[in-house]
């Protein structure tokens, strides 16, 4: 599995804010974002998109209590098991949701820790 990073993507000059994309490289993140926005705005080009790598969170996590309540292992790179597959957390939620994003089928997908079939390997439980 390639190392996955989180990137903040936005259209240069637009006031839409940014969207977060998990991908192995900045170019792949830019392309995934381009596919999303071209559905609505066909004239946007690859070079119109700004991409920056999101640094791992520094300082206290304001939503750590939510993940503790649900028993989610904190942090990017932690493992969980869903329906027999070992998955890696690539991005924690940026709100009070307990959902985490895991790398599955070549892309980052949201997964709720209470969904049936989710368990955690012994080494990540703390």
N, C-alpha and C. Protein backbone atom coordinates (compact mmCIF):
# COMPACT_ATOMS: atom_id res chain seq x y z
N UNK A 1 0.84 -1.18 0.00
CA UNK A 1 0.00 0.00 0.00
C UNK A 1 0.88 1.24 0.00
N UNK A 2 0.64 2.19 -0.92
CA UNK A 2 1.46 3.40 -0.95
C UNK A 2 1.17 4.28 0.27
N UNK A 3 2.13 5.09 0.63
CA UNK A 3 1.92 6.02 1.73
C UNK A 3 0.94 7.09 1.25
N UNK A 4 -0.07 7.36 2.06
CA UNK A 4 -1.13 8.30 1.68
C UNK A 4 -1.02 9.54 2.53
N UNK A 5 -1.22 10.69 1.90
CA UNK A 5 -1.18 11.97 2.59
C UNK A 5 -2.50 12.70 2.38
N UNK A 6 -2.75 13.68 3.21
CA UNK A 6 -3.95 14.51 3.04
C UNK A 6 -3.53 15.83 2.42
N UNK A 7 -4.28 16.27 1.41
CA UNK A 7 -3.99 17.51 0.70
C UNK A 7 -5.23 18.40 0.74
N UNK A 8 -5.00 19.71 0.91
CA UNK A 8 -6.07 20.69 0.83
C UNK A 8 -6.07 21.22 -0.60
N UNK A 9 -7.17 21.06 -1.30
CA UNK A 9 -7.27 21.45 -2.70
C UNK A 9 -8.31 22.56 -2.85
N UNK A 10 -8.01 23.52 -3.71
CA UNK A 10 -8.97 24.58 -3.99
C UNK A 10 -8.72 25.12 -5.39
N UNK A 11 -9.69 25.83 -5.93
CA UNK A 11 -9.54 26.46 -7.23
C UNK A 11 -8.98 27.86 -7.00
N UNK A 12 -7.89 28.17 -7.68
CA UNK A 12 -7.23 29.47 -7.53
C UNK A 12 -8.18 30.58 -7.96
N UNK A 13 -8.34 31.58 -7.12
CA UNK A 13 -9.19 32.72 -7.42
C UNK A 13 -10.66 32.52 -7.08
N UNK A 14 -11.05 31.35 -6.67
CA UNK A 14 -12.45 31.10 -6.29
C UNK A 14 -12.56 31.18 -4.77
N UNK A 15 -13.72 31.57 -4.29
CA UNK A 15 -13.91 31.68 -2.85
C UNK A 15 -14.71 30.50 -2.30
N UNK A 16 -14.49 29.32 -2.85
CA UNK A 16 -15.23 28.13 -2.44
C UNK A 16 -14.69 27.51 -1.17
N UNK A 17 -13.52 27.89 -0.74
CA UNK A 17 -12.88 27.21 0.37
C UNK A 17 -12.13 26.01 -0.18
N UNK A 18 -11.65 25.17 0.70
CA UNK A 18 -10.87 24.03 0.22
C UNK A 18 -11.57 22.72 0.56
N UNK A 19 -11.21 21.71 -0.22
CA UNK A 19 -11.69 20.35 0.03
C UNK A 19 -10.48 19.50 0.34
N UNK A 20 -10.66 18.48 1.16
CA UNK A 20 -9.56 17.62 1.53
C UNK A 20 -9.60 16.34 0.72
N UNK A 21 -8.45 16.00 0.17
CA UNK A 21 -8.32 14.81 -0.65
C UNK A 21 -7.17 13.99 -0.10
N UNK A 22 -7.36 12.70 0.06
CA UNK A 22 -6.29 11.80 0.48
C UNK A 22 -5.77 11.08 -0.74
N UNK A 23 -4.46 11.15 -0.95
CA UNK A 23 -3.84 10.53 -2.12
C UNK A 23 -2.35 10.32 -1.85
N UNK A 24 -1.71 9.45 -2.63
CA UNK A 24 -0.28 9.22 -2.43
C UNK A 24 0.59 10.42 -2.81
N UNK A 25 0.18 11.20 -3.83
CA UNK A 25 0.97 12.35 -4.28
C UNK A 25 0.07 13.56 -4.48
N UNK A 26 0.71 14.74 -4.55
CA UNK A 26 -0.04 15.97 -4.78
C UNK A 26 -0.71 15.96 -6.16
N UNK A 27 -0.02 15.42 -7.16
CA UNK A 27 -0.60 15.36 -8.51
C UNK A 27 -1.85 14.50 -8.55
N UNK A 28 -1.82 13.37 -7.85
CA UNK A 28 -3.01 12.51 -7.82
C UNK A 28 -4.15 13.18 -7.06
N UNK A 29 -3.82 13.93 -6.00
CA UNK A 29 -4.85 14.66 -5.26
C UNK A 29 -5.46 15.74 -6.16
N UNK A 30 -4.61 16.44 -6.90
CA UNK A 30 -5.10 17.49 -7.81
C UNK A 30 -6.03 16.88 -8.85
N UNK A 31 -5.67 15.73 -9.41
CA UNK A 31 -6.48 15.09 -10.42
C UNK A 31 -7.82 14.62 -9.85
N UNK A 32 -7.81 14.03 -8.65
CA UNK A 32 -9.07 13.59 -8.03
C UNK A 32 -9.99 14.78 -7.79
N UNK A 33 -9.41 15.90 -7.34
CA UNK A 33 -10.20 17.10 -7.09
C UNK A 33 -10.74 17.66 -8.42
N UNK A 34 -9.90 17.64 -9.46
CA UNK A 34 -10.33 18.12 -10.77
C UNK A 34 -11.54 17.33 -11.26
N UNK A 35 -11.52 16.02 -11.10
CA UNK A 35 -12.66 15.20 -11.51
C UNK A 35 -13.93 15.59 -10.77
N UNK A 36 -13.79 15.91 -9.48
CA UNK A 36 -14.96 16.33 -8.69
C UNK A 36 -15.55 17.63 -9.20
N UNK A 37 -14.69 18.65 -9.37
CA UNK A 37 -15.23 19.97 -9.72
C UNK A 37 -15.60 20.08 -11.19
N UNK A 38 -15.01 19.26 -12.06
CA UNK A 38 -15.37 19.34 -13.47
C UNK A 38 -16.77 18.83 -13.75
N UNK A 39 -17.33 18.08 -12.83
CA UNK A 39 -18.71 17.64 -13.02
C UNK A 39 -19.65 18.84 -13.08
N UNK A 40 -19.34 19.88 -12.30
CA UNK A 40 -20.18 21.07 -12.27
C UNK A 40 -19.61 22.21 -13.12
N UNK A 41 -18.29 22.33 -13.18
CA UNK A 41 -17.64 23.42 -13.90
C UNK A 41 -16.64 22.82 -14.89
N UNK A 42 -17.08 22.64 -16.12
CA UNK A 42 -16.28 21.95 -17.13
C UNK A 42 -15.06 22.75 -17.59
N UNK A 43 -15.05 24.07 -17.39
CA UNK A 43 -13.95 24.89 -17.90
C UNK A 43 -12.74 24.96 -16.96
N UNK A 44 -12.78 24.30 -15.82
CA UNK A 44 -11.65 24.32 -14.89
C UNK A 44 -10.58 23.36 -15.40
N UNK A 45 -9.32 23.86 -15.38
CA UNK A 45 -8.20 23.07 -15.87
C UNK A 45 -7.34 22.60 -14.70
N UNK A 46 -6.48 21.63 -14.99
CA UNK A 46 -5.57 21.05 -14.00
C UNK A 46 -4.75 22.13 -13.30
N UNK A 47 -4.23 23.09 -14.09
CA UNK A 47 -3.36 24.13 -13.52
C UNK A 47 -4.13 25.20 -12.74
N UNK A 48 -5.45 25.18 -12.77
CA UNK A 48 -6.26 26.13 -11.99
C UNK A 48 -6.42 25.70 -10.54
N UNK A 49 -5.89 24.55 -10.19
CA UNK A 49 -6.11 23.99 -8.85
C UNK A 49 -4.86 24.14 -7.99
N UNK A 50 -5.07 24.67 -6.80
CA UNK A 50 -4.00 24.82 -5.82
C UNK A 50 -4.05 23.62 -4.86
N UNK A 51 -2.88 23.05 -4.56
CA UNK A 51 -2.81 21.89 -3.67
C UNK A 51 -1.71 22.13 -2.64
N UNK A 52 -2.02 21.88 -1.39
CA UNK A 52 -0.98 21.93 -0.35
C UNK A 52 -1.15 20.74 0.58
N UNK A 53 -0.02 20.21 1.00
CA UNK A 53 -0.03 19.06 1.89
C UNK A 53 -0.41 19.53 3.29
N UNK A 54 -1.32 18.83 3.92
CA UNK A 54 -1.77 19.17 5.26
C UNK A 54 -0.82 18.50 6.25
N UNK A 55 -0.28 19.31 7.14
CA UNK A 55 0.63 18.78 8.15
C UNK A 55 -0.17 18.03 9.20
N UNK A 56 0.49 17.07 9.83
CA UNK A 56 -0.18 16.36 10.92
C UNK A 56 -0.49 17.37 12.01
N UNK A 57 -1.58 17.11 12.69
CA UNK A 57 -2.04 18.04 13.71
C UNK A 57 -1.01 18.23 14.81
N UNK A 58 -0.79 19.49 15.14
CA UNK A 58 0.11 19.82 16.22
C UNK A 58 -0.72 20.39 17.36
N UNK A 59 -0.36 20.05 18.56
CA UNK A 59 -1.10 20.54 19.70
C UNK A 59 -2.28 19.64 20.03
N UNK A 60 -3.13 20.08 20.93
CA UNK A 60 -4.24 19.23 21.37
C UNK A 60 -5.28 19.03 20.27
N UNK A 61 -5.87 17.87 20.26
CA UNK A 61 -6.92 17.52 19.30
C UNK A 61 -8.26 17.90 19.93
N UNK A 62 -8.97 18.89 19.38
CA UNK A 62 -10.23 19.32 20.00
C UNK A 62 -11.33 18.27 19.96
N UNK A 63 -11.21 17.26 19.12
CA UNK A 63 -12.26 16.26 18.99
C UNK A 63 -11.82 14.89 19.48
N UNK A 64 -10.73 14.83 20.21
CA UNK A 64 -10.21 13.55 20.70
C UNK A 64 -11.24 12.84 21.59
N UNK A 65 -12.02 13.60 22.34
CA UNK A 65 -13.00 12.99 23.23
C UNK A 65 -14.03 12.17 22.46
N UNK A 66 -14.40 12.61 21.26
CA UNK A 66 -15.38 11.89 20.46
C UNK A 66 -14.81 10.53 20.05
N UNK A 67 -13.58 10.54 19.60
CA UNK A 67 -12.96 9.28 19.18
C UNK A 67 -12.72 8.35 20.37
N UNK A 68 -12.41 8.92 21.53
CA UNK A 68 -12.24 8.08 22.73
C UNK A 68 -13.54 7.39 23.10
N UNK A 69 -14.65 8.11 23.02
CA UNK A 69 -15.96 7.53 23.36
C UNK A 69 -16.27 6.35 22.45
N UNK A 70 -15.93 6.48 21.17
CA UNK A 70 -16.20 5.41 20.22
C UNK A 70 -15.07 4.37 20.17
N UNK A 71 -13.98 4.61 20.87
CA UNK A 71 -12.88 3.66 20.90
C UNK A 71 -12.04 3.65 19.65
N UNK A 72 -11.99 4.77 18.94
CA UNK A 72 -11.21 4.86 17.71
C UNK A 72 -9.75 5.11 18.06
N UNK A 73 -8.82 4.34 17.49
CA UNK A 73 -7.41 4.62 17.74
C UNK A 73 -7.07 5.99 17.16
N UNK A 74 -6.45 6.83 17.97
CA UNK A 74 -6.15 8.19 17.53
C UNK A 74 -5.00 8.20 16.56
N UNK A 75 -5.13 8.97 15.52
CA UNK A 75 -4.00 9.24 14.66
C UNK A 75 -4.00 8.56 13.32
N UNK A 76 -3.40 9.30 12.40
CA UNK A 76 -3.19 8.80 11.05
C UNK A 76 -2.18 7.66 11.11
N UNK A 77 -2.38 6.64 10.33
CA UNK A 77 -1.46 5.52 10.28
C UNK A 77 -1.86 4.37 11.18
N UNK A 78 -2.81 4.59 12.07
CA UNK A 78 -3.28 3.50 12.93
C UNK A 78 -4.11 2.53 12.09
N UNK A 79 -4.18 1.31 12.53
CA UNK A 79 -4.86 0.27 11.78
C UNK A 79 -6.19 -0.09 12.42
N UNK A 80 -7.13 -0.51 11.59
CA UNK A 80 -8.36 -1.11 12.08
C UNK A 80 -8.73 -2.23 11.12
N UNK A 81 -9.59 -3.11 11.57
CA UNK A 81 -9.99 -4.24 10.75
C UNK A 81 -11.48 -4.11 10.48
N UNK A 82 -11.85 -4.19 9.21
CA UNK A 82 -13.25 -4.09 8.81
C UNK A 82 -13.55 -5.24 7.86
N UNK A 83 -14.46 -6.11 8.30
CA UNK A 83 -14.88 -7.26 7.51
C UNK A 83 -13.68 -8.08 7.01
N UNK A 84 -12.71 -8.28 7.92
CA UNK A 84 -11.56 -9.12 7.62
C UNK A 84 -10.42 -8.43 6.91
N UNK A 85 -10.59 -7.17 6.51
CA UNK A 85 -9.52 -6.43 5.83
C UNK A 85 -8.86 -5.48 6.81
N UNK A 86 -7.52 -5.46 6.82
CA UNK A 86 -6.82 -4.49 7.65
C UNK A 86 -6.71 -3.19 6.87
N UNK A 87 -7.20 -2.10 7.45
CA UNK A 87 -7.22 -0.80 6.79
C UNK A 87 -6.44 0.20 7.62
N UNK A 88 -5.88 1.19 6.95
CA UNK A 88 -5.11 2.23 7.63
C UNK A 88 -5.91 3.53 7.65
N UNK A 89 -5.91 4.19 8.81
CA UNK A 89 -6.57 5.50 8.91
C UNK A 89 -5.68 6.52 8.21
N UNK A 90 -6.23 7.19 7.20
CA UNK A 90 -5.44 8.17 6.45
C UNK A 90 -5.80 9.60 6.82
N UNK A 91 -6.98 9.78 7.42
CA UNK A 91 -7.36 11.14 7.81
C UNK A 91 -8.43 11.06 8.89
N UNK A 92 -8.17 11.70 10.03
CA UNK A 92 -9.23 11.76 11.03
C UNK A 92 -10.26 12.80 10.60
N UNK A 93 -11.44 12.77 11.18
CA UNK A 93 -12.43 13.80 10.82
C UNK A 93 -11.99 15.15 11.37
N UNK A 94 -12.46 16.21 10.73
CA UNK A 94 -12.10 17.55 11.20
C UNK A 94 -13.31 18.22 11.87
N UNK A 95 -14.14 17.40 12.48
CA UNK A 95 -15.30 17.92 13.20
C UNK A 95 -15.61 16.94 14.33
N UNK A 96 -16.79 17.05 14.90
CA UNK A 96 -17.12 16.19 16.04
C UNK A 96 -17.62 14.81 15.62
N UNK A 97 -17.55 14.50 14.36
CA UNK A 97 -17.96 13.18 13.89
C UNK A 97 -16.96 12.13 14.33
N UNK A 98 -17.43 10.93 14.56
CA UNK A 98 -16.53 9.83 14.91
C UNK A 98 -16.00 9.14 13.67
N UNK A 99 -16.49 9.51 12.49
CA UNK A 99 -16.00 8.90 11.26
C UNK A 99 -14.52 9.15 11.10
N UNK A 100 -13.83 8.16 10.57
CA UNK A 100 -12.43 8.32 10.17
C UNK A 100 -12.35 7.93 8.70
N UNK A 101 -11.33 8.39 8.02
CA UNK A 101 -11.15 8.05 6.62
C UNK A 101 -10.08 6.98 6.52
N UNK A 102 -10.41 5.89 5.83
CA UNK A 102 -9.49 4.77 5.67
C UNK A 102 -9.20 4.59 4.18
N UNK A 103 -8.03 4.05 3.89
CA UNK A 103 -7.65 3.79 2.51
C UNK A 103 -8.24 2.45 2.10
N UNK A 104 -9.18 2.49 1.13
CA UNK A 104 -9.89 1.29 0.71
C UNK A 104 -10.18 1.40 -0.78
N UNK A 105 -9.87 0.36 -1.51
CA UNK A 105 -10.15 0.31 -2.95
C UNK A 105 -9.53 1.49 -3.70
N UNK A 106 -8.33 1.89 -3.30
CA UNK A 106 -7.61 2.95 -4.01
C UNK A 106 -8.02 4.37 -3.70
N UNK A 107 -8.84 4.56 -2.66
CA UNK A 107 -9.22 5.93 -2.29
C UNK A 107 -9.58 6.01 -0.82
N UNK A 108 -9.62 7.23 -0.31
CA UNK A 108 -9.98 7.44 1.10
C UNK A 108 -11.50 7.39 1.21
N UNK A 109 -11.99 6.56 2.13
CA UNK A 109 -13.44 6.42 2.32
C UNK A 109 -13.78 6.59 3.80
N UNK A 110 -14.91 7.22 4.10
CA UNK A 110 -15.30 7.37 5.51
C UNK A 110 -15.81 6.05 6.07
N UNK A 111 -15.49 5.82 7.33
CA UNK A 111 -15.94 4.61 8.00
C UNK A 111 -16.25 4.96 9.45
N UNK A 112 -17.43 4.56 9.92
CA UNK A 112 -17.80 4.84 11.30
C UNK A 112 -17.32 3.69 12.17
N UNK A 113 -16.72 3.99 13.33
CA UNK A 113 -16.17 2.95 14.18
C UNK A 113 -17.19 1.98 14.76
N UNK A 114 -18.46 2.34 14.77
CA UNK A 114 -19.48 1.43 15.29
C UNK A 114 -20.16 0.63 14.19
N UNK A 115 -19.68 0.80 12.96
CA UNK A 115 -20.25 0.02 11.87
C UNK A 115 -19.95 -1.46 12.11
N UNK A 116 -20.86 -2.31 11.70
CA UNK A 116 -20.66 -3.73 11.97
C UNK A 116 -19.40 -4.22 11.29
N UNK A 117 -18.67 -5.04 12.01
CA UNK A 117 -17.46 -5.63 11.46
C UNK A 117 -16.18 -4.87 11.74
N UNK A 118 -16.24 -3.75 12.46
CA UNK A 118 -15.03 -2.99 12.76
C UNK A 118 -14.43 -3.49 14.06
N UNK A 119 -13.14 -3.78 14.02
CA UNK A 119 -12.41 -4.14 15.23
C UNK A 119 -11.01 -3.57 15.12
N UNK A 120 -10.26 -3.66 16.19
CA UNK A 120 -8.94 -3.07 16.22
C UNK A 120 -7.91 -4.11 16.64
N UNK A 121 -6.77 -4.15 15.93
CA UNK A 121 -5.72 -5.07 16.34
C UNK A 121 -5.26 -4.74 17.76
N UNK A 122 -4.78 -5.74 18.50
CA UNK A 122 -4.36 -5.55 19.89
C UNK A 122 -3.32 -4.46 20.06
N UNK A 123 -2.37 -4.36 19.12
CA UNK A 123 -1.27 -3.42 19.31
C UNK A 123 -1.68 -1.96 19.23
N UNK A 124 -2.86 -1.63 18.63
CA UNK A 124 -3.27 -0.23 18.53
C UNK A 124 -4.17 0.19 19.67
N UNK A 125 -4.73 -0.74 20.42
CA UNK A 125 -5.61 -0.35 21.51
C UNK A 125 -4.79 0.18 22.66
N UNK A 126 -5.18 1.36 23.13
CA UNK A 126 -4.44 1.96 24.25
C UNK A 126 -5.37 2.64 25.22
